[in-house]
């Protein structure tokens, strides 16, 4: 595929996601990846040899190759019809990121917390890995803001970033690694070995996108007339306080922009408690998220067009 085709596919994929959201679960590639991982987990329980770093590396590479072959086969079927090939590629690419789901999930928690804190605790439990059964009003809001801003990187910037660089296969490969990290990338006895490779690879792949996301949030804070200077300050002060080498950048930048403190008990504290956490803070974070995503697409597409022009003049 040429550069213009990739640009067209990304644009259509974004429109598909914003209009329709996720594909049905029975045909969603991420669900397919999850099912293969579950099969592998069952084998791991029966054969202790599978619980090794080599097995984790094998599973990661196997899934990337398998999904790439499936994608290549689908594209080969439609290779004689360029329009159909672009549409199918766009639908497949739209499954690697989640703009609509990301924003709606945070908005749903905001609605719940204004009516029933127990419902809010349940809603946020689907978004974070921590125990939410006893979370206070402020801790629920903090958890929502943390996962929303962290996922600007995981669910939007990174998959599109690698699509620009490597085409649709780049976005698919990233989603494979990120899904593996989400499912087995934990430092517990069951996953510490098998999840080591995808977790480290996910850290490497998110290194640049996470920092780009932090900068985009600072820019978005400037546009929204928030405290962008404090956003810059807090990002560089607190970003490295999280266990992940990447997730702290968008979270800390957001904390600084809104003048809030984000706390995961026993893990990290980001920002200063200048303003109280309230449901409206989620609304402000959603605005910050939307502007950051829009900026990402404007800047990245502009740079990609410059690349196309330079390539054409060589």
Protein backbone atom coordinates (compact mmCIF):
# COMPACT_ATOMS: atom_id res chain seq x y z
CA UNK A 1 0.00 0.00 0.00
CA UNK A 2 1.19 3.49 -0.82
CA UNK A 3 1.39 6.39 1.65
CA UNK A 4 -1.84 7.98 0.38
CA UNK A 5 -3.69 4.68 0.82
CA UNK A 6 -2.47 4.45 4.42
CA UNK A 7 -3.63 8.01 5.09
CA UNK A 8 -7.04 7.22 3.58
CA UNK A 9 -7.35 3.99 5.60
CA UNK A 10 -6.52 5.79 8.86
CA UNK A 11 -9.08 8.51 8.15
CA UNK A 12 -11.85 6.01 7.32
CA UNK A 13 -10.95 3.84 10.34
CA UNK A 14 -11.31 6.84 12.67
CA UNK A 15 -14.70 7.69 11.14
CA UNK A 16 -15.82 4.06 11.58
CA UNK A 17 -14.76 4.05 15.24
CA UNK A 18 -16.44 7.38 16.02
CA UNK A 19 -19.70 6.40 14.30
CA UNK A 20 -20.03 2.73 15.22
CA UNK A 21 -17.55 2.02 18.00
CA UNK A 22 -16.34 -1.55 18.50
CA UNK A 23 -17.09 -4.48 16.18
CA UNK A 24 -19.34 -7.24 17.62
CA UNK A 25 -17.36 -9.41 20.06
CA UNK A 26 -17.82 -12.60 18.02
CA UNK A 27 -15.81 -11.12 15.12
CA UNK A 28 -13.51 -8.71 16.97
CA UNK A 29 -9.78 -9.48 16.42
CA UNK A 30 -8.90 -8.49 20.02
CA UNK A 31 -11.43 -11.04 21.31
CA UNK A 32 -9.84 -13.61 18.99
CA UNK A 33 -6.43 -12.77 20.46
CA UNK A 34 -7.89 -13.09 23.95
CA UNK A 35 -9.28 -16.56 23.22
CA UNK A 36 -5.90 -17.80 21.98
CA UNK A 37 -4.27 -16.40 25.11
CA UNK A 38 -6.85 -18.22 27.28
CA UNK A 39 -6.05 -21.51 25.47
CA UNK A 40 -2.35 -20.88 26.07
CA UNK A 41 -3.06 -20.16 29.76
CA UNK A 42 -4.81 -23.52 30.13
CA UNK A 43 -1.83 -25.27 28.54
CA UNK A 44 0.46 -23.34 30.89
CA UNK A 45 -1.45 -24.67 33.89
CA UNK A 46 -1.03 -28.25 32.67
CA UNK A 47 2.60 -27.98 31.55
CA UNK A 48 4.81 -25.94 33.86
CA UNK A 49 7.50 -25.73 31.14
CA UNK A 50 5.23 -23.30 29.27
CA UNK A 51 5.55 -20.79 32.12
CA UNK A 52 8.83 -19.42 30.82
CA UNK A 53 10.02 -16.23 29.18
CA UNK A 54 10.72 -18.18 25.99
CA UNK A 55 7.10 -19.35 25.91
CA UNK A 56 5.93 -15.76 26.31
CA UNK A 57 8.15 -14.64 23.44
CA UNK A 58 6.89 -17.53 21.29
CA UNK A 59 3.24 -16.65 22.03
CA UNK A 60 3.84 -12.99 21.14
CA UNK A 61 5.61 -13.74 17.86
CA UNK A 62 3.11 -16.48 16.96
CA UNK A 63 0.13 -14.14 17.41
CA UNK A 64 1.75 -11.32 15.43
CA UNK A 65 2.53 -13.70 12.53
CA UNK A 66 -0.91 -15.34 12.68
CA UNK A 67 -2.82 -12.03 12.63
CA UNK A 68 -0.51 -10.70 9.90
CA UNK A 69 -1.15 -13.75 7.73
CA UNK A 70 -4.91 -13.48 8.24
CA UNK A 71 -4.81 -9.79 7.35
CA UNK A 72 -2.59 -10.42 4.31
CA UNK A 73 -4.95 -13.18 3.12
CA UNK A 74 -8.01 -10.92 3.45
CA UNK A 75 -6.23 -8.15 1.54
CA UNK A 76 -5.11 -10.64 -1.13
CA UNK A 77 -8.76 -11.65 -1.68
CA UNK A 78 -9.69 -8.02 -2.42
CA UNK A 79 -6.48 -6.99 -4.18
CA UNK A 80 -8.25 -6.59 -7.53
CA UNK A 81 -10.68 -4.06 -6.07
CA UNK A 82 -8.76 -1.17 -4.52
CA UNK A 83 -11.86 0.45 -2.98
CA UNK A 84 -12.93 -2.77 -1.22
CA UNK A 85 -9.36 -3.37 -0.06
CA UNK A 86 -9.24 0.10 1.53
CA UNK A 87 -12.64 -0.37 3.22
CA UNK A 88 -11.74 -3.81 4.62
CA UNK A 89 -8.34 -2.52 5.78
CA UNK A 90 -10.06 0.43 7.47
CA UNK A 91 -12.50 -1.84 9.32
CA UNK A 92 -9.62 -4.04 10.52
CA UNK A 93 -7.57 -1.01 11.59
CA UNK A 94 -10.52 0.45 13.49
CA UNK A 95 -10.33 -2.57 15.83
CA UNK A 96 -6.82 -1.59 16.97
CA UNK A 97 -7.91 1.65 18.69
CA UNK A 98 -10.91 2.80 20.75
CA UNK A 99 -11.68 6.51 20.76
CA UNK A 100 -15.45 6.24 21.22
CA UNK A 101 -15.29 3.46 23.84
CA UNK A 102 -12.52 5.23 25.77
CA UNK A 103 -14.46 8.48 26.13
CA UNK A 104 -17.87 6.86 26.67
CA UNK A 105 -16.50 4.61 29.44
CA UNK A 106 -15.27 7.61 31.42
CA UNK A 107 -18.49 9.51 30.79
CA UNK A 108 -20.57 6.56 32.03
CA UNK A 109 -18.68 6.50 35.34
CA UNK A 110 -19.28 10.24 35.70
CA UNK A 111 -23.02 9.68 35.24
CA UNK A 112 -23.02 6.79 37.73
CA UNK A 113 -21.09 8.64 40.41
CA UNK A 114 -23.65 11.44 40.39
CA UNK A 115 -26.44 8.94 41.14
CA UNK A 116 -25.10 5.84 42.89
CA UNK A 117 -21.54 5.38 44.15
CA UNK A 118 -21.91 1.58 44.18
CA UNK A 119 -22.75 1.60 40.47
CA UNK A 120 -19.77 3.88 39.91
CA UNK A 121 -17.49 1.45 41.74
CA UNK A 122 -18.78 -1.37 39.53
CA UNK A 123 -18.37 0.68 36.35
CA UNK A 124 -14.81 1.70 37.17
CA UNK A 125 -13.92 -1.93 38.00
CA UNK A 126 -14.15 -2.69 34.27
CA UNK A 127 -11.56 -0.01 33.54
CA UNK A 128 -8.84 -0.61 36.16
CA UNK A 129 -7.12 -3.65 37.67
CA UNK A 130 -7.29 -2.46 41.31
CA UNK A 131 -9.99 -3.45 43.82
CA UNK A 132 -12.75 -0.83 43.49
CA UNK A 133 -15.27 -2.22 46.00
CA UNK A 134 -14.30 0.26 48.74
CA UNK A 135 -13.11 3.23 46.70
CA UNK A 136 -14.20 6.65 47.94
CA UNK A 137 -15.82 9.31 45.74
CA UNK A 138 -12.43 10.99 45.13
CA UNK A 139 -10.59 7.71 44.53
CA UNK A 140 -13.14 6.67 41.89
CA UNK A 141 -12.64 9.95 40.05
CA UNK A 142 -8.87 9.60 40.31
CA UNK A 143 -9.02 6.04 38.90
CA UNK A 144 -11.17 7.17 35.95
CA UNK A 145 -8.85 10.06 35.10
CA UNK A 146 -5.78 7.82 35.39
CA UNK A 147 -7.11 5.12 33.07
CA UNK A 148 -8.60 7.64 30.62
CA UNK A 149 -5.36 9.58 30.15
CA UNK A 150 -3.11 6.51 30.18
CA UNK A 151 -5.25 4.97 27.46
CA UNK A 152 -4.83 7.96 25.17
CA UNK A 153 -1.47 6.33 24.52
CA UNK A 154 -2.50 2.66 24.52
CA UNK A 155 -5.86 2.99 22.77
CA UNK A 156 -5.21 5.80 20.27
CA UNK A 157 -1.73 7.25 19.83
CA UNK A 158 0.37 4.06 19.77
CA UNK A 159 -1.68 1.98 17.29
CA UNK A 160 -2.02 4.92 14.88
CA UNK A 161 1.65 5.88 15.38
CA UNK A 162 2.76 2.41 14.24
CA UNK A 163 0.23 2.41 11.42
CA UNK A 164 1.80 5.59 10.05
CA UNK A 165 5.24 3.97 10.25
CA UNK A 166 4.53 0.35 9.24
CA UNK A 167 1.08 0.39 7.69
CA UNK A 168 -1.98 -1.48 8.95
CA UNK A 169 0.19 -4.44 9.97
CA UNK A 170 2.04 -2.11 12.34
CA UNK A 171 -1.20 -1.19 14.10
CA UNK A 172 -2.26 -4.84 14.31
CA UNK A 173 1.13 -5.94 15.67
CA UNK A 174 0.97 -3.24 18.35
CA UNK A 175 -2.53 -4.32 19.39
CA UNK A 176 -1.35 -7.93 19.74
CA UNK A 177 1.48 -6.88 22.08
CA UNK A 178 -0.71 -4.50 24.09
CA UNK A 179 -3.45 -7.12 24.51
CA UNK A 180 -0.90 -9.67 25.70
CA UNK A 181 0.48 -7.17 28.18
CA UNK A 182 -3.03 -6.45 29.47
CA UNK A 183 -3.82 -10.14 29.93
CA UNK A 184 -0.58 -11.72 31.15
CA UNK A 185 1.84 -8.84 31.79
CA UNK A 186 1.53 -9.03 35.57
CA UNK A 187 4.25 -9.55 38.18
CA UNK A 188 2.50 -12.40 39.99
CA UNK A 189 3.61 -16.06 40.25
CA UNK A 190 1.29 -17.14 37.42
CA UNK A 191 2.41 -14.56 34.88
CA UNK A 192 5.80 -13.16 35.88
CA UNK A 193 7.69 -15.39 33.44
CA UNK A 194 5.31 -15.86 30.53
CA UNK A 195 4.26 -12.20 30.64
CA UNK A 196 7.79 -10.81 30.82
CA UNK A 197 8.44 -10.58 27.06
CA UNK A 198 5.15 -8.93 25.98
CA UNK A 199 5.32 -6.55 28.98
CA UNK A 200 8.85 -5.41 28.10
CA UNK A 201 8.00 -5.16 24.40
CA UNK A 202 4.91 -3.11 25.24
CA UNK A 203 7.11 -0.75 27.31
CA UNK A 204 9.47 -0.34 24.36
CA UNK A 205 6.68 0.25 21.83
CA UNK A 206 4.94 2.81 24.07
CA UNK A 207 8.12 4.72 24.95
CA UNK A 208 7.85 7.41 22.25
CA UNK A 209 4.01 7.50 21.98
CA UNK A 210 3.63 8.04 25.75
CA UNK A 211 5.94 11.04 25.70
CA UNK A 212 4.24 12.39 22.58
CA UNK A 213 0.91 12.03 24.41
CA UNK A 214 2.25 13.99 27.37
CA UNK A 215 3.31 16.83 25.07
CA UNK A 216 -0.08 16.75 23.31
CA UNK A 217 -1.84 17.10 26.66
CA UNK A 218 0.27 20.16 27.48
CA UNK A 219 -0.66 21.65 24.08
CA UNK A 220 -4.34 20.80 24.68
CA UNK A 221 -4.15 22.47 28.11
CA UNK A 222 -2.88 25.63 26.41
CA UNK A 223 -5.77 25.58 23.91
CA UNK A 224 -8.33 25.03 26.68
CA UNK A 225 -6.74 27.80 28.79
CA UNK A 226 -5.82 25.39 31.53
CA UNK A 227 -2.56 25.54 33.46
CA UNK A 228 -0.25 24.30 30.70
CA UNK A 229 2.87 25.53 32.49
CA UNK A 230 2.00 23.44 35.52
CA UNK A 231 1.18 20.55 33.20
CA UNK A 232 4.72 20.73 31.82
CA UNK A 233 6.21 21.06 35.31
CA UNK A 234 4.29 18.16 36.86
CA UNK A 235 4.91 15.87 33.88
CA UNK A 236 8.67 16.19 34.21
CA UNK A 237 8.52 16.08 38.01
CA UNK A 238 6.19 13.11 38.54
CA UNK A 239 6.09 11.05 35.33
CA UNK A 240 8.74 8.60 36.55
CA UNK A 241 6.94 7.86 39.82
CA UNK A 242 4.76 5.16 38.25
CA UNK A 243 5.93 1.51 37.98
CA UNK A 244 5.47 1.74 34.22
CA UNK A 245 8.13 3.79 32.39
CA UNK A 246 5.40 5.27 30.18
CA UNK A 247 2.00 5.64 31.85
CA UNK A 248 3.11 8.48 34.12
CA UNK A 249 3.61 10.96 31.28
CA UNK A 250 -0.02 11.48 30.20
CA UNK A 251 -1.32 11.06 33.77
CA UNK A 252 1.11 13.56 35.30
CA UNK A 253 0.55 16.07 32.48
CA UNK A 254 -3.20 15.86 33.10
CA UNK A 255 -2.78 16.22 36.87
CA UNK A 256 -0.73 19.37 36.32
CA UNK A 257 -3.12 20.86 33.78
CA UNK A 258 -6.14 20.41 36.07
CA UNK A 259 -4.31 21.18 39.34
CA UNK A 260 -5.34 17.86 40.87
CA UNK A 261 -3.66 14.97 42.64
CA UNK A 262 -4.00 11.43 41.26
CA UNK A 263 -3.35 8.67 43.77
CA UNK A 264 -3.11 4.91 43.39
CA UNK A 265 -2.71 3.81 47.03
CA UNK A 266 0.61 2.14 47.73
CA UNK A 267 1.79 2.76 44.18
CA UNK A 268 2.12 6.43 43.19
CA UNK A 269 0.98 10.01 43.80
CA UNK A 270 0.97 12.44 40.89
CA UNK A 271 0.39 16.19 40.98
CA UNK A 272 -0.57 18.60 43.75
CA UNK A 273 -4.05 18.89 45.38
CA UNK A 274 -4.71 22.45 44.25
CA UNK A 275 -8.28 21.63 43.18
CA UNK A 276 -10.68 19.05 44.59
CA UNK A 277 -11.63 15.97 42.62
CA UNK A 278 -15.29 16.07 41.59
CA UNK A 279 -17.44 14.65 38.80
CA UNK A 280 -16.90 17.81 36.73
CA UNK A 281 -13.17 17.00 36.76
CA UNK A 282 -13.96 13.94 34.64
CA UNK A 283 -15.74 16.23 32.17
CA UNK A 284 -12.66 18.48 32.02
CA UNK A 285 -10.44 15.44 31.49
CA UNK A 286 -12.66 14.23 28.63
CA UNK A 287 -12.32 17.67 26.96
CA UNK A 288 -8.55 17.50 27.44
CA UNK A 289 -8.53 13.98 25.98
CA UNK A 290 -10.57 14.96 22.92
CA UNK A 291 -8.37 17.96 22.11
CA UNK A 292 -5.20 15.88 22.62
CA UNK A 293 -6.49 13.23 20.18
CA UNK A 294 -7.53 15.85 17.62
CA UNK A 295 -4.09 17.47 17.89
CA UNK A 296 -2.44 14.09 17.41
CA UNK A 297 -4.29 13.45 14.16
CA UNK A 298 -3.74 16.98 12.84
CA UNK A 299 -0.01 17.00 13.59
CA UNK A 300 0.67 13.41 12.52
CA UNK A 301 -1.26 13.73 9.26
CA UNK A 302 0.48 17.04 8.50
CA UNK A 303 3.90 15.45 9.05
CA UNK A 304 2.88 12.41 7.02
CA UNK A 305 1.78 14.61 4.11
CA UNK A 306 5.14 16.41 4.24
CA UNK A 307 6.81 12.99 4.10
CA UNK A 308 4.71 12.03 1.05
CA UNK A 309 5.64 15.30 -0.73
CA UNK A 310 9.34 14.84 0.02
CA UNK A 311 9.15 11.23 -1.14
CA UNK A 312 7.48 12.29 -4.39
CA UNK A 313 10.23 14.84 -5.09
CA UNK A 314 13.10 12.38 -4.66
